[in-house]
């Protein structure tokens, strides 16, 4: 599969990226290199490879959930630029 100029423009539009006209050809070449690399990866035989849950063998140490400080609402709301009825208040952004 090869990427052409029109496809680069379409991908840029859908991605909300501005690609200047003088950079279209460079971007097209980069996309094609990426697709070639993906095709190389598809050639690798992974039929005998177990799927990984994680690449790290470490396990996280867990701690007990316990409340250390509570009833701090007034101290937290002291940092709020606007507050109303004991909650953070924000300006309306959607009409």
N, C-alpha and C. Protein backbone atom coordinates (compact mmCIF):
# COMPACT_ATOMS: atom_id res chain seq x y z
N UNK A 1 0.85 -1.18 0.00
CA UNK A 1 0.00 0.00 0.00
C UNK A 1 0.89 1.23 0.00
N UNK A 2 0.65 2.11 -0.90
CA UNK A 2 1.44 3.34 -0.99
C UNK A 2 0.53 4.54 -0.76
N UNK A 3 1.10 5.55 -0.17
CA UNK A 3 0.39 6.79 0.11
C UNK A 3 0.69 7.77 -1.02
N UNK A 4 -0.34 8.42 -1.54
CA UNK A 4 -0.12 9.44 -2.57
C UNK A 4 -0.39 10.82 -1.98
N UNK A 5 -0.22 11.84 -2.79
CA UNK A 5 -0.35 13.22 -2.33
C UNK A 5 -1.74 13.52 -1.81
N UNK A 6 -2.74 13.04 -2.49
CA UNK A 6 -4.12 13.29 -2.06
C UNK A 6 -4.40 12.63 -0.70
N UNK A 7 -3.85 11.46 -0.50
CA UNK A 7 -4.04 10.77 0.78
C UNK A 7 -3.35 11.54 1.90
N UNK A 8 -2.18 12.08 1.64
CA UNK A 8 -1.48 12.88 2.65
C UNK A 8 -2.33 14.09 3.02
N UNK A 9 -2.89 14.75 2.04
CA UNK A 9 -3.74 15.91 2.32
C UNK A 9 -4.97 15.51 3.11
N UNK A 10 -5.55 14.36 2.78
CA UNK A 10 -6.74 13.88 3.50
C UNK A 10 -6.40 13.53 4.95
N UNK A 11 -5.27 12.85 5.15
CA UNK A 11 -4.84 12.49 6.52
C UNK A 11 -4.57 13.76 7.31
N UNK A 12 -3.91 14.73 6.70
CA UNK A 12 -3.63 15.99 7.39
C UNK A 12 -4.92 16.70 7.78
N UNK A 13 -5.90 16.69 6.87
CA UNK A 13 -7.18 17.33 7.16
C UNK A 13 -7.88 16.63 8.33
N UNK A 14 -7.93 15.30 8.28
CA UNK A 14 -8.61 14.55 9.34
C UNK A 14 -7.89 14.66 10.67
N UNK A 15 -6.57 14.84 10.63
CA UNK A 15 -5.78 14.95 11.85
C UNK A 15 -5.71 16.37 12.37
N UNK A 16 -6.30 17.28 11.62
CA UNK A 16 -6.27 18.71 11.95
C UNK A 16 -4.83 19.22 12.01
N UNK A 17 -4.02 18.75 11.06
CA UNK A 17 -2.63 19.18 10.95
C UNK A 17 -2.47 20.04 9.71
N UNK A 18 -1.66 21.06 9.82
CA UNK A 18 -1.36 21.87 8.65
C UNK A 18 -0.05 21.38 8.06
N UNK A 19 -0.11 20.91 6.84
CA UNK A 19 1.09 20.49 6.13
C UNK A 19 1.24 21.43 4.94
N UNK A 20 2.31 22.21 4.95
CA UNK A 20 2.54 23.15 3.87
C UNK A 20 2.74 22.41 2.56
N UNK A 21 2.43 23.08 1.45
CA UNK A 21 2.54 22.45 0.14
C UNK A 21 3.95 21.98 -0.17
N UNK A 22 4.95 22.70 0.32
CA UNK A 22 6.32 22.28 0.05
C UNK A 22 6.75 21.09 0.91
N UNK A 23 5.95 20.72 1.90
CA UNK A 23 6.26 19.59 2.78
C UNK A 23 5.44 18.34 2.45
N UNK A 24 4.52 18.45 1.50
CA UNK A 24 3.65 17.32 1.16
C UNK A 24 4.47 16.12 0.68
N UNK A 25 5.42 16.37 -0.20
CA UNK A 25 6.21 15.27 -0.76
C UNK A 25 7.06 14.60 0.32
N UNK A 26 7.64 15.39 1.21
CA UNK A 26 8.43 14.83 2.31
C UNK A 26 7.55 13.99 3.23
N UNK A 27 6.37 14.51 3.52
CA UNK A 27 5.43 13.78 4.38
C UNK A 27 4.98 12.49 3.71
N UNK A 28 4.75 12.55 2.42
CA UNK A 28 4.36 11.35 1.67
C UNK A 28 5.45 10.28 1.77
N UNK A 29 6.70 10.69 1.61
CA UNK A 29 7.82 9.74 1.72
C UNK A 29 7.91 9.14 3.13
N UNK A 30 7.69 9.98 4.15
CA UNK A 30 7.73 9.49 5.53
C UNK A 30 6.61 8.48 5.79
N UNK A 31 5.41 8.78 5.32
CA UNK A 31 4.30 7.84 5.47
C UNK A 31 4.62 6.51 4.80
N UNK A 32 5.17 6.57 3.60
CA UNK A 32 5.50 5.34 2.89
C UNK A 32 6.58 4.54 3.59
N UNK A 33 7.56 5.23 4.20
CA UNK A 33 8.60 4.53 4.99
C UNK A 33 7.96 3.82 6.19
N UNK A 34 7.03 4.50 6.84
CA UNK A 34 6.36 3.90 7.99
C UNK A 34 5.58 2.66 7.57
N UNK A 35 4.86 2.77 6.46
CA UNK A 35 4.09 1.62 5.98
C UNK A 35 5.00 0.45 5.56
N UNK A 36 6.15 0.75 4.98
CA UNK A 36 7.11 -0.31 4.64
C UNK A 36 7.60 -1.00 5.91
N UNK A 37 7.84 -0.22 6.95
CA UNK A 37 8.31 -0.79 8.21
C UNK A 37 7.22 -1.69 8.82
N UNK A 38 5.98 -1.26 8.75
CA UNK A 38 4.87 -2.07 9.26
C UNK A 38 4.76 -3.36 8.46
N UNK A 39 4.94 -3.29 7.16
CA UNK A 39 4.91 -4.50 6.33
C UNK A 39 6.04 -5.45 6.72
N UNK A 40 7.22 -4.91 7.06
CA UNK A 40 8.32 -5.75 7.54
C UNK A 40 7.93 -6.44 8.85
N UNK A 41 7.28 -5.70 9.73
CA UNK A 41 6.86 -6.29 11.00
C UNK A 41 5.85 -7.41 10.78
N UNK A 42 4.99 -7.26 9.79
CA UNK A 42 3.99 -8.29 9.50
C UNK A 42 4.61 -9.58 8.98
N UNK A 43 5.83 -9.51 8.47
CA UNK A 43 6.51 -10.69 7.96
C UNK A 43 7.11 -11.56 9.07
N UNK A 44 7.22 -11.02 10.26
CA UNK A 44 7.83 -11.75 11.38
C UNK A 44 6.86 -12.83 11.85
N UNK A 45 7.39 -14.04 12.02
CA UNK A 45 6.58 -15.16 12.49
C UNK A 45 6.48 -15.10 14.01
N UNK A 46 5.30 -14.83 14.52
CA UNK A 46 5.09 -14.73 15.96
C UNK A 46 4.10 -15.79 16.45
N UNK A 47 3.94 -16.86 15.67
CA UNK A 47 2.95 -17.87 16.01
C UNK A 47 3.29 -18.61 17.30
N UNK A 48 4.56 -18.72 17.65
CA UNK A 48 4.96 -19.44 18.87
C UNK A 48 5.26 -18.50 20.03
N UNK A 49 4.94 -17.23 19.90
CA UNK A 49 5.25 -16.25 20.93
C UNK A 49 4.02 -16.01 21.78
N UNK A 50 4.18 -16.13 23.09
CA UNK A 50 3.08 -15.86 24.02
C UNK A 50 2.81 -14.36 24.07
N UNK A 51 1.56 -13.96 24.08
CA UNK A 51 1.26 -12.53 24.22
C UNK A 51 1.72 -12.01 25.58
N UNK A 52 2.21 -10.80 25.60
CA UNK A 52 2.69 -10.18 26.83
C UNK A 52 1.58 -9.36 27.47
N UNK A 53 1.51 -9.43 28.76
CA UNK A 53 0.63 -8.52 29.50
C UNK A 53 1.39 -7.23 29.74
N UNK A 54 2.67 -7.38 30.05
CA UNK A 54 3.52 -6.23 30.30
C UNK A 54 4.95 -6.62 29.95
N UNK A 55 5.75 -5.65 29.56
CA UNK A 55 7.15 -5.95 29.28
C UNK A 55 7.97 -5.94 30.56
N UNK A 56 7.43 -5.42 31.63
CA UNK A 56 8.13 -5.38 32.91
C UNK A 56 7.76 -6.60 33.73
N UNK A 57 8.76 -7.20 34.34
CA UNK A 57 8.52 -8.34 35.21
C UNK A 57 8.25 -7.90 36.65
N UNK A 58 8.38 -6.62 36.93
CA UNK A 58 8.20 -6.12 38.29
C UNK A 58 6.73 -6.07 38.65
N UNK A 59 6.46 -6.30 39.91
CA UNK A 59 5.11 -6.12 40.42
C UNK A 59 5.11 -4.91 41.35
N UNK A 60 4.02 -4.22 41.35
CA UNK A 60 3.92 -3.04 42.19
C UNK A 60 3.57 -3.45 43.62
N UNK A 61 4.22 -2.80 44.55
CA UNK A 61 3.87 -3.07 45.94
C UNK A 61 2.61 -2.27 46.28
N UNK A 62 1.68 -2.92 46.93
CA UNK A 62 0.42 -2.30 47.26
C UNK A 62 0.43 -1.84 48.71
N UNK A 63 -0.31 -0.82 48.99
CA UNK A 63 -0.45 -0.36 50.36
C UNK A 63 -1.92 -0.33 50.71
N UNK A 64 -2.21 -0.33 51.98
CA UNK A 64 -3.59 -0.27 52.43
C UNK A 64 -4.15 1.13 52.17
N UNK A 65 -5.41 1.17 51.73
CA UNK A 65 -6.08 2.44 51.58
C UNK A 65 -6.57 2.89 52.95
N UNK A 66 -6.07 4.01 53.37
CA UNK A 66 -6.54 4.55 54.64
C UNK A 66 -6.56 6.07 54.54
N UNK A 67 -7.57 6.65 55.13
CA UNK A 67 -7.72 8.09 55.12
C UNK A 67 -6.75 8.67 56.13
N UNK A 68 -5.89 9.58 55.66
CA UNK A 68 -4.92 10.19 56.57
C UNK A 68 -5.35 11.58 56.99
N UNK A 69 -5.98 12.30 56.08
CA UNK A 69 -6.49 13.63 56.42
C UNK A 69 -7.85 13.78 55.75
N UNK A 70 -8.82 14.19 56.49
CA UNK A 70 -10.15 14.37 55.94
C UNK A 70 -10.71 15.72 56.32
N UNK A 71 -11.88 15.99 55.83
CA UNK A 71 -12.57 17.25 56.12
C UNK A 71 -11.68 18.46 55.84
N UNK A 72 -11.07 18.47 54.68
CA UNK A 72 -10.20 19.57 54.28
C UNK A 72 -10.84 20.44 53.19
N UNK A 73 -12.15 20.37 53.06
CA UNK A 73 -12.80 21.06 51.95
C UNK A 73 -12.56 22.56 51.98
N UNK A 74 -12.58 23.18 53.13
CA UNK A 74 -12.36 24.62 53.20
C UNK A 74 -10.93 24.98 52.80
N UNK A 75 -9.97 24.16 53.19
CA UNK A 75 -8.58 24.43 52.81
C UNK A 75 -8.38 24.25 51.31
N UNK A 76 -9.03 23.25 50.74
CA UNK A 76 -8.93 23.02 49.30
C UNK A 76 -9.62 24.13 48.53
N UNK A 77 -10.81 24.51 48.96
CA UNK A 77 -11.55 25.56 48.27
C UNK A 77 -10.91 26.93 48.43
N UNK A 78 -10.02 27.09 49.38
CA UNK A 78 -9.31 28.37 49.53
C UNK A 78 -8.46 28.65 48.30
N UNK A 79 -8.05 27.63 47.58
CA UNK A 79 -7.23 27.79 46.37
C UNK A 79 -8.07 28.05 45.13
N UNK A 80 -9.37 27.90 45.23
CA UNK A 80 -10.24 28.03 44.05
C UNK A 80 -10.46 29.50 43.72
N UNK A 81 -10.33 29.85 42.43
CA UNK A 81 -10.63 31.24 42.08
C UNK A 81 -12.11 31.58 42.22
N UNK A 82 -12.97 30.57 42.02
CA UNK A 82 -14.41 30.76 42.20
C UNK A 82 -14.96 29.52 42.91
N UNK A 83 -15.87 29.75 43.84
CA UNK A 83 -16.51 28.63 44.52
C UNK A 83 -17.97 28.97 44.76
N UNK A 84 -18.77 27.91 44.81
CA UNK A 84 -20.20 28.12 45.01
C UNK A 84 -20.76 26.89 45.71
N UNK A 85 -21.47 27.07 46.78
CA UNK A 85 -22.12 26.00 47.54
C UNK A 85 -21.12 24.92 47.98
N UNK A 86 -19.91 25.30 48.27
CA UNK A 86 -18.92 24.35 48.74
C UNK A 86 -18.25 23.53 47.64
N UNK A 87 -18.36 23.99 46.39
CA UNK A 87 -17.75 23.29 45.24
C UNK A 87 -16.97 24.29 44.40
N UNK A 88 -16.06 23.76 43.58
CA UNK A 88 -15.38 24.60 42.60
C UNK A 88 -16.42 25.09 41.60
N UNK A 89 -16.33 26.34 41.22
CA UNK A 89 -17.22 26.89 40.19
C UNK A 89 -16.36 27.26 38.98
N UNK A 90 -16.83 26.91 37.80
CA UNK A 90 -16.11 27.20 36.58
C UNK A 90 -17.04 27.94 35.64
N UNK A 91 -16.47 28.76 34.75
CA UNK A 91 -17.32 29.45 33.79
C UNK A 91 -17.94 28.48 32.82
N UNK A 92 -19.13 28.81 32.35
CA UNK A 92 -19.83 27.99 31.38
C UNK A 92 -19.09 28.06 30.05
N UNK A 93 -18.78 26.90 29.46
CA UNK A 93 -18.04 26.88 28.20
C UNK A 93 -18.87 26.38 27.04
N UNK A 94 -20.00 25.76 27.31
CA UNK A 94 -20.86 25.24 26.25
C UNK A 94 -22.20 25.96 26.37
N UNK A 95 -22.64 26.50 25.26
CA UNK A 95 -23.92 27.20 25.25
C UNK A 95 -25.05 26.20 25.03
